[in-house]
């Protein structure tokens, strides 16, 4: 009983330290991934399984596309908690796609013609 208690305290202390350190998704083991706030045993197993199956993750979009449960919003949270991909944090400010405005007389996407402004 005492051994189990000491072991659990040691594991807790080790994983608590990971919560404040940078953890690279391509180098981390399950204990290190579990130490990142927001990653539980199920997600860490999914990350490790996908890394074993498809190789290291190239970048954040690669991780987001290959691991179920890691979408854009969750990736930002995990990055804020210390997770990195190849040492890089997730950039929260992804460039937005700009939509071309129709010129007067041109058709818009909705089929209506843009009228000249006076």
PDB file of N, CA and C in Angstrom:
ATOM      1  N   UNK A   1       0.827  -1.195   0.000  1.00  0.00           N
ATOM      2  CA  UNK A   1       0.000   0.000   0.000  1.00  0.00           C
ATOM      3  C   UNK A   1       0.871   1.259   0.000  1.00  0.00           C
ATOM      4  N   UNK A   2       1.883   1.241   0.820  1.00  0.00           N
ATOM      5  CA  UNK A   2       2.776   2.394   0.897  1.00  0.00           C
ATOM      6  C   UNK A   2       3.506   2.610  -0.428  1.00  0.00           C
ATOM      7  N   UNK A   3       3.890   1.511  -1.093  1.00  0.00           N
ATOM      8  CA  UNK A   3       4.573   1.624  -2.386  1.00  0.00           C
ATOM      9  C   UNK A   3       3.665   2.268  -3.428  1.00  0.00           C
ATOM     10  N   UNK A   4       2.387   1.870  -3.429  1.00  0.00           N
ATOM     11  CA  UNK A   4       1.439   2.448  -4.381  1.00  0.00           C
ATOM     12  C   UNK A   4       1.261   3.942  -4.131  1.00  0.00           C
ATOM     13  N   UNK A   5       1.173   4.307  -2.873  1.00  0.00           N
ATOM     14  CA  UNK A   5       1.003   5.712  -2.522  1.00  0.00           C
ATOM     15  C   UNK A   5       2.211   6.528  -2.965  1.00  0.00           C
ATOM     16  N   UNK A   6       3.404   6.017  -2.682  1.00  0.00           N
ATOM     17  CA  UNK A   6       4.622   6.727  -3.090  1.00  0.00           C
ATOM     18  C   UNK A   6       4.737   6.812  -4.609  1.00  0.00           C
ATOM     19  N   UNK A   7       4.372   5.725  -5.291  1.00  0.00           N
ATOM     20  CA  UNK A   7       4.415   5.724  -6.753  1.00  0.00           C
ATOM     21  C   UNK A   7       3.435   6.740  -7.326  1.00  0.00           C
ATOM     22  N   UNK A   8       2.238   6.797  -6.784  1.00  0.00           N
ATOM     23  CA  UNK A   8       1.253   7.754  -7.291  1.00  0.00           C
ATOM     24  C   UNK A   8       1.687   9.191  -7.032  1.00  0.00           C
ATOM     25  N   UNK A   9       2.327   9.433  -5.895  1.00  0.00           N
ATOM     26  CA  UNK A   9       2.829  10.783  -5.604  1.00  0.00           C
ATOM     27  C   UNK A   9       3.945  11.147  -6.579  1.00  0.00           C
ATOM     28  N   UNK A  10       4.817  10.195  -6.867  1.00  0.00           N
ATOM     29  CA  UNK A  10       5.913  10.434  -7.804  1.00  0.00           C
ATOM     30  C   UNK A  10       5.383  10.711  -9.207  1.00  0.00           C
ATOM     31  N   UNK A  11       4.388   9.943  -9.642  1.00  0.00           N
ATOM     32  CA  UNK A  11       3.795  10.150 -10.967  1.00  0.00           C
ATOM     33  C   UNK A  11       3.110  11.508 -11.029  1.00  0.00           C
ATOM     34  N   UNK A  12       2.394  11.866  -9.983  1.00  0.00           N
ATOM     35  CA  UNK A  12       1.722  13.170  -9.946  1.00  0.00           C
ATOM     36  C   UNK A  12       2.741  14.305 -10.023  1.00  0.00           C
ATOM     37  N   UNK A  13       3.816  14.181  -9.255  1.00  0.00           N
ATOM     38  CA  UNK A  13       4.841  15.231  -9.262  1.00  0.00           C
ATOM     39  C   UNK A  13       5.489  15.353 -10.632  1.00  0.00           C
ATOM     40  N   UNK A  14       5.738  14.212 -11.275  1.00  0.00           N
ATOM     41  CA  UNK A  14       6.360  14.238 -12.602  1.00  0.00           C
ATOM     42  C   UNK A  14       5.436  14.859 -13.630  1.00  0.00           C
ATOM     43  N   UNK A  15       4.161  14.489 -13.606  1.00  0.00           N
ATOM     44  CA  UNK A  15       3.231  15.032 -14.602  1.00  0.00           C
ATOM     45  C   UNK A  15       2.872  16.478 -14.304  1.00  0.00           C
ATOM     46  N   UNK A  16       2.903  16.895 -13.064  1.00  0.00           N
ATOM     47  CA  UNK A  16       2.622  18.294 -12.733  1.00  0.00           C
ATOM     48  C   UNK A  16       3.687  19.202 -13.335  1.00  0.00           C
ATOM     49  N   UNK A  17       4.923  18.730 -13.379  1.00  0.00           N
ATOM     50  CA  UNK A  17       5.995  19.506 -13.986  1.00  0.00           C
ATOM     51  C   UNK A  17       5.812  19.671 -15.484  1.00  0.00           C
ATOM     52  N   UNK A  18       5.218  18.667 -16.135  1.00  0.00           N
ATOM     53  CA  UNK A  18       4.986  18.744 -17.572  1.00  0.00           C
ATOM     54  C   UNK A  18       3.948  19.799 -17.924  1.00  0.00           C
ATOM     55  N   UNK A  19       3.054  20.105 -17.035  1.00  0.00           N
ATOM     56  CA  UNK A  19       1.986  21.054 -17.319  1.00  0.00           C
ATOM     57  C   UNK A  19       2.546  22.443 -17.622  1.00  0.00           C
ATOM     58  N   UNK A  20       3.722  22.755 -17.113  1.00  0.00           N
ATOM     59  CA  UNK A  20       4.295  24.077 -17.316  1.00  0.00           C
ATOM     60  C   UNK A  20       5.443  24.063 -18.316  1.00  0.00           C
ATOM     61  N   UNK A  21       5.799  22.888 -18.802  1.00  0.00           N
ATOM     62  CA  UNK A  21       6.898  22.776 -19.759  1.00  0.00           C
ATOM     63  C   UNK A  21       6.344  22.585 -21.168  1.00  0.00           C
ATOM     64  N   UNK A  22       7.173  22.889 -22.146  1.00  0.00           N
ATOM     65  CA  UNK A  22       6.798  22.658 -23.531  1.00  0.00           C
ATOM     66  C   UNK A  22       6.895  21.165 -23.824  1.00  0.00           C
ATOM     67  N   UNK A  23       5.872  20.606 -24.422  1.00  0.00           N
ATOM     68  CA  UNK A  23       5.829  19.187 -24.752  1.00  0.00           C
ATOM     69  C   UNK A  23       5.654  19.071 -26.260  1.00  0.00           C
ATOM     70  N   UNK A  24       6.648  18.492 -26.927  1.00  0.00           N
ATOM     71  CA  UNK A  24       6.570  18.321 -28.376  1.00  0.00           C
ATOM     72  C   UNK A  24       5.810  17.041 -28.691  1.00  0.00           C
ATOM     73  N   UNK A  25       4.784  17.155 -29.508  1.00  0.00           N
ATOM     74  CA  UNK A  25       3.906  16.037 -29.825  1.00  0.00           C
ATOM     75  C   UNK A  25       4.657  14.908 -30.536  1.00  0.00           C
ATOM     76  N   UNK A  26       5.757  15.211 -31.204  1.00  0.00           N
ATOM     77  CA  UNK A  26       6.516  14.193 -31.930  1.00  0.00           C
ATOM     78  C   UNK A  26       7.541  13.472 -31.061  1.00  0.00           C
ATOM     79  N   UNK A  27       7.830  13.988 -29.872  1.00  0.00           N
ATOM     80  CA  UNK A  27       8.842  13.385 -29.002  1.00  0.00           C
ATOM     81  C   UNK A  27       8.261  12.844 -27.709  1.00  0.00           C
ATOM     82  N   UNK A  28       7.069  13.262 -27.348  1.00  0.00           N
ATOM     83  CA  UNK A  28       6.503  12.949 -26.037  1.00  0.00           C
ATOM     84  C   UNK A  28       5.990  11.519 -25.957  1.00  0.00           C
ATOM     85  N   UNK A  29       6.092  10.950 -24.752  1.00  0.00           N
ATOM     86  CA  UNK A  29       5.466   9.656 -24.490  1.00  0.00           C
ATOM     87  C   UNK A  29       4.083   9.918 -23.906  1.00  0.00           C
ATOM     88  N   UNK A  30       3.368   8.862 -23.562  1.00  0.00           N
ATOM     89  CA  UNK A  30       1.992   9.022 -23.102  1.00  0.00           C
ATOM     90  C   UNK A  30       1.917   9.832 -21.805  1.00  0.00           C
ATOM     91  N   UNK A  31       2.849   9.613 -20.888  1.00  0.00           N
ATOM     92  CA  UNK A  31       2.826  10.348 -19.621  1.00  0.00           C
ATOM     93  C   UNK A  31       3.009  11.845 -19.851  1.00  0.00           C
ATOM     94  N   UNK A  32       3.916  12.204 -20.759  1.00  0.00           N
ATOM     95  CA  UNK A  32       4.144  13.626 -21.053  1.00  0.00           C
ATOM     96  C   UNK A  32       2.915  14.254 -21.697  1.00  0.00           C
ATOM     97  N   UNK A  33       2.290  13.536 -22.637  1.00  0.00           N
ATOM     98  CA  UNK A  33       1.084  14.066 -23.281  1.00  0.00           C
ATOM     99  C   UNK A  33      -0.050  14.206 -22.278  1.00  0.00           C
ATOM    100  N   UNK A  34      -0.202  13.217 -21.385  1.00  0.00           N
ATOM    101  CA  UNK A  34      -1.250  13.288 -20.355  1.00  0.00           C
ATOM    102  C   UNK A  34      -1.034  14.470 -19.420  1.00  0.00           C
ATOM    103  N   UNK A  35       0.201  14.922 -19.303  1.00  0.00           N
ATOM    104  CA  UNK A  35       0.509  16.052 -18.433  1.00  0.00           C
ATOM    105  C   UNK A  35       0.092  17.391 -18.991  1.00  0.00           C
ATOM    106  N   UNK A  36      -0.251  17.435 -20.271  1.00  0.00           N
ATOM    107  CA  UNK A  36      -0.699  18.692 -20.895  1.00  0.00           C
ATOM    108  C   UNK A  36      -2.185  18.878 -20.573  1.00  0.00           C
ATOM    109  N   UNK A  37      -2.528  20.031 -20.032  1.00  0.00           N
ATOM    110  CA  UNK A  37      -3.922  20.310 -19.695  1.00  0.00           C
ATOM    111  C   UNK A  37      -4.776  20.222 -20.958  1.00  0.00           C
ATOM    112  N   UNK A  38      -5.818  19.386 -20.898  1.00  0.00           N
ATOM    113  CA  UNK A  38      -6.705  19.226 -22.042  1.00  0.00           C
ATOM    114  C   UNK A  38      -6.488  17.922 -22.783  1.00  0.00           C
ATOM    115  N   UNK A  39      -5.390  17.220 -22.467  1.00  0.00           N
ATOM    116  CA  UNK A  39      -5.138  15.915 -23.082  1.00  0.00           C
ATOM    117  C   UNK A  39      -5.313  14.849 -22.009  1.00  0.00           C
ATOM    118  N   UNK A  40      -6.209  13.936 -22.274  1.00  0.00           N
ATOM    119  CA  UNK A  40      -6.430  12.813 -21.372  1.00  0.00           C
ATOM    120  C   UNK A  40      -5.876  11.543 -21.981  1.00  0.00           C
ATOM    121  N   UNK A  41      -6.071  10.426 -21.294  1.00  0.00           N
ATOM    122  CA  UNK A  41      -5.539   9.153 -21.793  1.00  0.00           C
ATOM    123  C   UNK A  41      -6.051   8.775 -23.180  1.00  0.00           C
ATOM    124  N   UNK A  42      -7.309   9.076 -23.473  1.00  0.00           N
ATOM    125  CA  UNK A  42      -7.880   8.711 -24.773  1.00  0.00           C
ATOM    126  C   UNK A  42      -7.212   9.500 -25.908  1.00  0.00           C
ATOM    127  N   UNK A  43      -7.058  10.811 -25.711  1.00  0.00           N
ATOM    128  CA  UNK A  43      -6.455  11.632 -26.758  1.00  0.00           C
ATOM    129  C   UNK A  43      -4.969  11.334 -26.888  1.00  0.00           C
ATOM    130  N   UNK A  44      -4.272  11.119 -25.780  1.00  0.00           N
ATOM    131  CA  UNK A  44      -2.842  10.827 -25.883  1.00  0.00           C
ATOM    132  C   UNK A  44      -2.619   9.514 -26.617  1.00  0.00           C
ATOM    133  N   UNK A  45      -3.482   8.531 -26.395  1.00  0.00           N
ATOM    134  CA  UNK A  45      -3.381   7.262 -27.113  1.00  0.00           C
ATOM    135  C   UNK A  45      -3.646   7.472 -28.600  1.00  0.00           C
ATOM    136  N   UNK A  46      -4.640   8.296 -28.930  1.00  0.00           N
ATOM    137  CA  UNK A  46      -4.941   8.583 -30.335  1.00  0.00           C
ATOM    138  C   UNK A  46      -3.765   9.279 -31.017  1.00  0.00           C
ATOM    139  N   UNK A  47      -3.116  10.197 -30.309  1.00  0.00           N
ATOM    140  CA  UNK A  47      -1.958  10.909 -30.863  1.00  0.00           C
ATOM    141  C   UNK A  47      -0.816   9.922 -31.113  1.00  0.00           C
ATOM    142  N   UNK A  48      -0.533   9.085 -30.120  1.00  0.00           N
ATOM    143  CA  UNK A  48       0.568   8.125 -30.266  1.00  0.00           C
ATOM    144  C   UNK A  48       0.278   7.098 -31.355  1.00  0.00           C
ATOM    145  N   UNK A  49      -0.967   6.624 -31.425  1.00  0.00           N
ATOM    146  CA  UNK A  49      -1.334   5.662 -32.473  1.00  0.00           C
ATOM    147  C   UNK A  49      -1.175   6.265 -33.858  1.00  0.00           C
ATOM    148  N   UNK A  50      -1.627   7.504 -34.021  1.00  0.00           N
ATOM    149  CA  UNK A  50      -1.539   8.170 -35.325  1.00  0.00           C
ATOM    150  C   UNK A  50      -0.086   8.485 -35.677  1.00  0.00           C
ATOM    151  N   UNK A  51       0.706   8.840 -34.684  1.00  0.00           N
ATOM    152  CA  UNK A  51       2.126   9.120 -34.930  1.00  0.00           C
ATOM    153  C   UNK A  51       2.854   7.845 -35.362  1.00  0.00           C
ATOM    154  N   UNK A  52       2.482   6.714 -34.746  1.00  0.00           N
ATOM    155  CA  UNK A  52       3.101   5.440 -35.112  1.00  0.00           C
ATOM    156  C   UNK A  52       2.657   5.013 -36.523  1.00  0.00           C
ATOM    157  N   UNK A  53       1.375   5.238 -36.829  1.00  0.00           N
ATOM    158  CA  UNK A  53       0.828   4.825 -38.119  1.00  0.00           C
ATOM    159  C   UNK A  53       1.319   5.699 -39.272  1.00  0.00           C
ATOM    160  N   UNK A  54       1.302   7.015 -39.081  1.00  0.00           N
ATOM    161  CA  UNK A  54       1.590   7.935 -40.181  1.00  0.00           C
ATOM    162  C   UNK A  54       2.883   8.706 -40.073  1.00  0.00           C
ATOM    163  N   UNK A  55       3.681   8.423 -39.049  1.00  0.00           N
ATOM    164  CA  UNK A  55       4.936   9.157 -38.876  1.00  0.00           C
ATOM    165  C   UNK A  55       4.728  10.448 -38.096  1.00  0.00           C
ATOM    166  N   UNK A  56       5.809  11.183 -37.915  1.00  0.00           N
ATOM    167  CA  UNK A  56       5.742  12.432 -37.157  1.00  0.00           C
ATOM    168  C   UNK A  56       4.801  13.431 -37.820  1.00  0.00           C
ATOM    169  N   UNK A  57       4.253  14.300 -36.993  1.00  0.00           N
ATOM    170  CA  UNK A  57       3.373  15.357 -37.483  1.00  0.00           C
ATOM    171  C   UNK A  57       4.239  16.474 -38.048  1.00  0.00           C
ATOM    172  N   UNK A  58       3.885  16.956 -39.245  1.00  0.00           N
ATOM    173  CA  UNK A  58       4.669  17.997 -39.914  1.00  0.00           C
ATOM    174  C   UNK A  58       4.450  19.355 -39.277  1.00  0.00           C
ATOM    175  N   UNK A  59       3.171  19.658 -38.983  1.00  0.00           N
ATOM    176  CA  UNK A  59       2.810  20.952 -38.446  1.00  0.00           C
ATOM    177  C   UNK A  59       1.448  20.830 -37.772  1.00  0.00           C
ATOM    178  N   UNK A  60       0.931  21.941 -37.279  1.00  0.00           N
ATOM    179  CA  UNK A  60      -0.350  21.918 -36.575  1.00  0.00           C
ATOM    180  C   UNK A  60      -1.507  21.467 -37.465  1.00  0.00           C
ATOM    181  N   UNK A  61      -1.622  21.955 -38.699  1.00  0.00           N
ATOM    182  CA  UNK A  61      -2.719  21.467 -39.545  1.00  0.00           C
ATOM    183  C   UNK A  61      -2.654  19.952 -39.770  1.00  0.00           C
ATOM    184  N   UNK A  62      -1.453  19.397 -39.846  1.00  0.00           N
ATOM    185  CA  UNK A  62      -1.296  17.952 -39.992  1.00  0.00           C
ATOM    186  C   UNK A  62      -1.838  17.240 -38.746  1.00  0.00           C
ATOM    187  N   UNK A  63      -1.498  17.739 -37.566  1.00  0.00           N
ATOM    188  CA  UNK A  63      -2.008  17.159 -36.320  1.00  0.00           C
ATOM    189  C   UNK A  63      -3.531  17.274 -36.255  1.00  0.00           C
ATOM    190  N   UNK A  64      -4.056  18.435 -36.594  1.00  0.00           N
ATOM    191  CA  UNK A  64      -5.500  18.668 -36.552  1.00  0.00           C
ATOM    192  C   UNK A  64      -6.242  17.752 -37.516  1.00  0.00           C
ATOM    193  N   UNK A  65      -5.657  17.486 -38.663  1.00  0.00           N
ATOM    194  CA  UNK A  65      -6.311  16.656 -39.668  1.00  0.00           C
ATOM    195  C   UNK A  65      -6.246  15.164 -39.365  1.00  0.00           C
ATOM    196  N   UNK A  66      -5.223  14.741 -38.648  1.00  0.00           N
ATOM    197  CA  UNK A  66      -5.025  13.314 -38.420  1.00  0.00           C
ATOM    198  C   UNK A  66      -5.569  12.804 -37.093  1.00  0.00           C
ATOM    199  N   UNK A  67      -5.727  13.669 -36.091  1.00  0.00           N
ATOM    200  CA  UNK A  67      -6.163  13.211 -34.767  1.00  0.00           C
ATOM    201  C   UNK A  67      -7.561  13.740 -34.478  1.00  0.00           C
ATOM    202  N   UNK A  68      -8.498  12.819 -34.322  1.00  0.00           N
ATOM    203  CA  UNK A  68      -9.877  13.189 -34.020  1.00  0.00           C
ATOM    204  C   UNK A  68      -9.915  13.871 -32.648  1.00  0.00           C
ATOM    205  N   UNK A  69     -10.621  14.980 -32.587  1.00  0.00           N
ATOM    206  CA  UNK A  69     -10.729  15.721 -31.335  1.00  0.00           C
ATOM    207  C   UNK A  69      -9.772  16.894 -31.242  1.00  0.00           C
ATOM    208  N   UNK A  70      -8.865  17.000 -32.196  1.00  0.00           N
ATOM    209  CA  UNK A  70      -7.940  18.135 -32.207  1.00  0.00           C
ATOM    210  C   UNK A  70      -8.322  19.013 -33.388  1.00  0.00           C
ATOM    211  N   UNK A  71      -9.230  19.930 -33.139  1.00  0.00           N
ATOM    212  CA  UNK A  71      -9.619  20.896 -34.159  1.00  0.00           C
ATOM    213  C   UNK A  71      -8.883  22.200 -33.919  1.00  0.00           C
ATOM    214  N   UNK A  72      -9.245  23.219 -34.648  1.00  0.00           N
ATOM    215  CA  UNK A  72      -8.548  24.507 -34.542  1.00  0.00           C
ATOM    216  C   UNK A  72      -8.637  25.097 -33.133  1.00  0.00           C
ATOM    217  N   UNK A  73      -9.841  25.148 -32.572  1.00  0.00           N
ATOM    218  CA  UNK A  73     -10.001  25.747 -31.240  1.00  0.00           C
ATOM    219  C   UNK A  73      -9.279  24.942 -30.172  1.00  0.00           C
ATOM    220  N   UNK A  74      -9.408  23.617 -30.239  1.00  0.00           N
ATOM    221  CA  UNK A  74      -8.743  22.774 -29.255  1.00  0.00           C
ATOM    222  C   UNK A  74      -7.230  22.852 -29.416  1.00  0.00           C
ATOM    223  N   UNK A  75      -6.753  22.949 -30.637  1.00  0.00           N
ATOM    224  CA  UNK A  75      -5.317  23.059 -30.886  1.00  0.00           C
ATOM    225  C   UNK A  75      -4.758  24.330 -30.251  1.00  0.00           C
ATOM    226  N   UNK A  76      -5.500  25.411 -30.323  1.00  0.00           N
ATOM    227  CA  UNK A  76      -5.055  26.669 -29.716  1.00  0.00           C
ATOM    228  C   UNK A  76      -4.971  26.508 -28.207  1.00  0.00           C
ATOM    229  N   UNK A  77      -5.980  25.862 -27.609  1.00  0.00           N
ATOM    230  CA  UNK A  77      -5.969  25.628 -26.152  1.00  0.00           C
ATOM    231  C   UNK A  77      -4.788  24.738 -25.750  1.00  0.00           C
ATOM    232  N   UNK A  78      -4.557  23.675 -26.524  1.00  0.00           N
ATOM    233  CA  UNK A  78      -3.456  22.769 -26.208  1.00  0.00           C
ATOM    234  C   UNK A  78      -2.113  23.476 -26.351  1.00  0.00           C
ATOM    235  N   UNK A  79      -1.984  24.314 -27.356  1.00  0.00           N
ATOM    236  CA  UNK A  79      -0.755  25.078 -27.537  1.00  0.00           C
ATOM    237  C   UNK A  79      -0.530  26.028 -26.365  1.00  0.00           C
ATOM    238  N   UNK A  80      -1.598  26.683 -25.919  1.00  0.00           N
ATOM    239  CA  UNK A  80      -1.498  27.572 -24.765  1.00  0.00           C
ATOM    240  C   UNK A  80      -1.094  26.809 -23.504  1.00  0.00           C
ATOM    241  N   UNK A  81      -1.457  25.515 -23.448  1.00  0.00           N
ATOM    242  CA  UNK A  81      -1.111  24.681 -22.295  1.00  0.00           C
ATOM    243  C   UNK A  81       0.300  24.106 -22.402  1.00  0.00           C
ATOM    244  N   UNK A  82       0.988  24.339 -23.516  1.00  0.00           N
ATOM    245  CA  UNK A  82       2.379  23.921 -23.638  1.00  0.00           C
ATOM    246  C   UNK A  82       2.669  22.898 -24.712  1.00  0.00           C
ATOM    247  N   UNK A  83       1.685  22.470 -25.492  1.00  0.00           N
ATOM    248  CA  UNK A  83       1.930  21.498 -26.553  1.00  0.00           C
ATOM    249  C   UNK A  83       2.520  22.191 -27.777  1.00  0.00           C
ATOM    250  N   UNK A  84       3.518  21.567 -28.386  1.00  0.00           N
ATOM    251  CA  UNK A  84       4.113  22.102 -29.610  1.00  0.00           C
ATOM    252  C   UNK A  84       4.179  21.001 -30.664  1.00  0.00           C
ATOM    253  N   UNK A  85       4.314  21.404 -31.916  1.00  0.00           N
ATOM    254  CA  UNK A  85       4.566  20.475 -33.022  1.00  0.00           C
ATOM    255  C   UNK A  85       5.887  20.916 -33.635  1.00  0.00           C
ATOM    256  N   UNK A  86       6.884  20.048 -33.553  1.00  0.00           N
ATOM    257  CA  UNK A  86       8.242  20.378 -34.007  1.00  0.00           C
ATOM    258  C   UNK A  86       8.760  21.649 -33.341  1.00  0.00           C
ATOM    259  N   UNK A  87       8.422  21.821 -32.067  1.00  0.00           N
ATOM    260  CA  UNK A  87       8.893  22.970 -31.297  1.00  0.00           C
ATOM    261  C   UNK A  87       8.125  24.252 -31.546  1.00  0.00           C
ATOM    262  N   UNK A  88       7.100  24.206 -32.396  1.00  0.00           N
ATOM    263  CA  UNK A  88       6.347  25.417 -32.748  1.00  0.00           C
ATOM    264  C   UNK A  88       4.988  25.439 -32.058  1.00  0.00           C
ATOM    265  N   UNK A  89       4.629  26.546 -31.399  1.00  0.00           N
ATOM    266  CA  UNK A  89       3.272  26.670 -30.853  1.00  0.00           C
ATOM    267  C   UNK A  89       2.268  26.921 -31.971  1.00  0.00           C
ATOM    268  N   UNK A  90       1.015  26.717 -31.676  1.00  0.00           N
ATOM    269  CA  UNK A  90      -0.057  26.953 -32.665  1.00  0.00           C
ATOM    270  C   UNK A  90      -0.289  28.436 -32.751  1.00  0.00           C
ATOM    271  N   UNK A  91      -0.286  28.975 -33.956  1.00  0.00           N
ATOM    272  CA  UNK A  91      -0.537  30.392 -34.169  1.00  0.00           C
ATOM    273  C   UNK A  91      -2.035  30.632 -34.105  1.00  0.00           C
ATOM    274  N   UNK A  92      -2.503  31.358 -33.113  1.00  0.00           N
ATOM    275  CA  UNK A  92      -3.933  31.601 -32.930  1.00  0.00           C
ATOM    276  C   UNK A  92      -4.505  32.507 -34.005  1.00  0.00           C
ATOM    277  N   UNK A  93      -3.690  33.370 -34.557  1.00  0.00           N
ATOM    278  CA  UNK A  93      -4.176  34.321 -35.552  1.00  0.00           C
ATOM    279  C   UNK A  93      -3.899  33.796 -36.954  1.00  0.00           C
ATOM    280  N   UNK A  94      -4.709  32.854 -37.396  1.00  0.00           N
ATOM    281  CA  UNK A  94      -4.552  32.327 -38.752  1.00  0.00           C
ATOM    282  C   UNK A  94      -5.061  33.370 -39.738  1.00  0.00           C
ATOM    283  N   UNK A  95      -4.378  33.530 -40.854  1.00  0.00           N
ATOM    284  CA  UNK A  95      -4.826  34.536 -41.819  1.00  0.00           C
ATOM    285  C   UNK A  95      -6.199  34.189 -42.383  1.00  0.00           C
ATOM    286  N   UNK A  96      -7.079  35.162 -42.373  1.00  0.00           N
ATOM    287  CA  UNK A  96      -8.433  34.952 -42.897  1.00  0.00           C
ATOM    288  C   UNK A  96      -8.417  35.110 -44.410  1.00  0.00           C
ATOM    289  N   UNK A  97      -9.272  34.351 -45.080  1.00  0.00           N
ATOM    290  CA  UNK A  97      -9.375  34.459 -46.535  1.00  0.00           C
ATOM    291  C   UNK A  97     -10.125  35.733 -46.875  1.00  0.00           C
ATOM    292  N   UNK A  98      -9.561  36.492 -47.784  1.00  0.00           N
ATOM    293  CA  UNK A  98     -10.227  37.719 -48.204  1.00  0.00           C
ATOM    294  C   UNK A  98     -11.138  37.407 -49.385  1.00  0.00           C
ATOM    295  N   UNK A  99     -12.321  37.987 -49.342  1.00  0.00           N
ATOM    296  CA  UNK A  99     -13.278  37.777 -50.426  1.00  0.00           C
ATOM    297  C   UNK A  99     -13.226  38.981 -51.350  1.00  0.00           C
ATOM    298  N   UNK A 100     -13.122  38.710 -52.636  1.00  0.00           N
ATOM    299  CA  UNK A 100     -13.052  39.787 -53.617  1.00  0.00           C
ATOM    300  C   UNK A 100     -14.415  40.461 -53.709  1.00  0.00           C
ATOM    301  N   UNK A 101     -14.407  41.797 -53.626  1.00  0.00           N
ATOM    302  CA  UNK A 101     -15.660  42.546 -53.763  1.00  0.00           C
ATOM    303  C   UNK A 101     -15.958  42.730 -55.240  1.00  0.00           C
ATOM    304  N   UNK A 102     -17.218  42.628 -55.580  1.00  0.00           N
ATOM    305  CA  UNK A 102     -17.631  42.816 -56.971  1.00  0.00           C
ATOM    306  C   UNK A 102     -17.599  44.302 -57.310  1.00  0.00           C
ATOM    307  N   UNK A 103     -17.180  44.583 -58.507  1.00  0.00           N
ATOM    308  CA  UNK A 103     -17.156  45.960 -58.990  1.00  0.00           C
ATOM    309  C   UNK A 103     -18.555  46.318 -59.478  1.00  0.00           C
ATOM    310  N   UNK A 104     -18.886  47.598 -59.553  1.00  0.00           N
ATOM    311  CA  UNK A 104     -20.206  47.969 -60.048  1.00  0.00           C
ATOM    312  C   UNK A 104     -20.477  47.343 -61.409  1.00  0.00           C
ATOM    313  N   UNK A 105     -21.629  46.710 -61.556  1.00  0.00           N
ATOM    314  CA  UNK A 105     -22.026  46.069 -62.794  1.00  0.00           C
ATOM    315  C   UNK A 105     -21.655  44.590 -62.854  1.00  0.00           C
ATOM    316  N   UNK A 106     -20.760  44.131 -61.985  1.00  0.00           N
ATOM    317  CA  UNK A 106     -20.385  42.708 -61.952  1.00  0.00           C
ATOM    318  C   UNK A 106     -21.372  41.945 -61.092  1.00  0.00           C
ATOM    319  N   UNK A 107     -21.478  40.653 -61.373  1.00  0.00           N
ATOM    320  CA  UNK A 107     -22.354  39.798 -60.574  1.00  0.00           C
ATOM    321  C   UNK A 107     -21.646  39.377 -59.292  1.00  0.00           C
ATOM    322  N   UNK A 108     -22.410  39.339 -58.207  1.00  0.00           N
ATOM    323  CA  UNK A 108     -21.886  38.837 -56.944  1.00  0.00           C
ATOM    324  C   UNK A 108     -22.155  37.348 -56.864  1.00  0.00           C
ATOM    325  N   UNK A 109     -21.685  36.697 -55.792  1.00  0.00           N
ATOM    326  CA  UNK A 109     -21.899  35.267 -55.617  1.00  0.00           C
ATOM    327  C   UNK A 109     -23.378  34.925 -55.512  1.00  0.00           C
ATOM    328  N   UNK A 110     -24.176  35.832 -54.986  1.00  0.00           N
ATOM    329  CA  UNK A 110     -25.600  35.544 -54.819  1.00  0.00           C
ATOM    330  C   UNK A 110     -26.403  35.814 -56.092  1.00  0.00           C
ATOM    331  N   UNK A 111     -25.720  36.172 -57.181  1.00  0.00           N
ATOM    332  CA  UNK A 111     -26.391  36.354 -58.468  1.00  0.00           C
ATOM    333  C   UNK A 111     -26.874  37.774 -58.718  1.00  0.00           C
ATOM    334  N   UNK A 112     -26.843  38.618 -57.695  1.00  0.00           N
ATOM    335  CA  UNK A 112     -27.297  39.995 -57.871  1.00  0.00           C
ATOM    336  C   UNK A 112     -26.154  40.834 -58.410  1.00  0.00           C
ATOM    337  N   UNK A 113     -26.503  41.902 -59.108  1.00  0.00           N
ATOM    338  CA  UNK A 113     -25.472  42.794 -59.634  1.00  0.00           C
ATOM    339  C   UNK A 113     -25.173  43.864 -58.600  1.00  0.00           C
ATOM    340  N   UNK A 114     -23.904  44.192 -58.501  1.00  0.00           N
ATOM    341  CA  UNK A 114     -23.454  45.224 -57.587  1.00  0.00           C
ATOM    342  C   UNK A 114     -23.809  46.581 -58.205  1.00  0.00           C
ATOM    343  N   UNK A 115     -24.456  47.414 -57.441  1.00  0.00           N
ATOM    344  CA  UNK A 115     -24.830  48.724 -57.964  1.00  0.00           C
ATOM    345  C   UNK A 115     -23.782  49.746 -57.591  1.00  0.00           C
ATOM    346  N   UNK A 116     -23.637  50.755 -58.466  1.00  0.00           N
ATOM    347  CA  UNK A 116     -22.670  51.808 -58.207  1.00  0.00           C
ATOM    348  C   UNK A 116     -23.134  52.612 -57.015  1.00  0.00           C
ATOM    349  N   UNK A 117     -22.182  52.966 -56.162  1.00  0.00           N
ATOM    350  CA  UNK A 117     -22.522  53.770 -54.975  1.00  0.00           C
ATOM    351  C   UNK A 117     -22.427  55.237 -55.334  1.00  0.00           C
ATOM    352  N   UNK A 118     -23.338  56.011 -54.794  1.00  0.00           N
ATOM    353  CA  UNK A 118     -23.390  57.430 -55.116  1.00  0.00           C
ATOM    354  C   UNK A 118     -22.813  58.257 -54.025  1.00  0.00           C
TER     355      UNK A 118
END
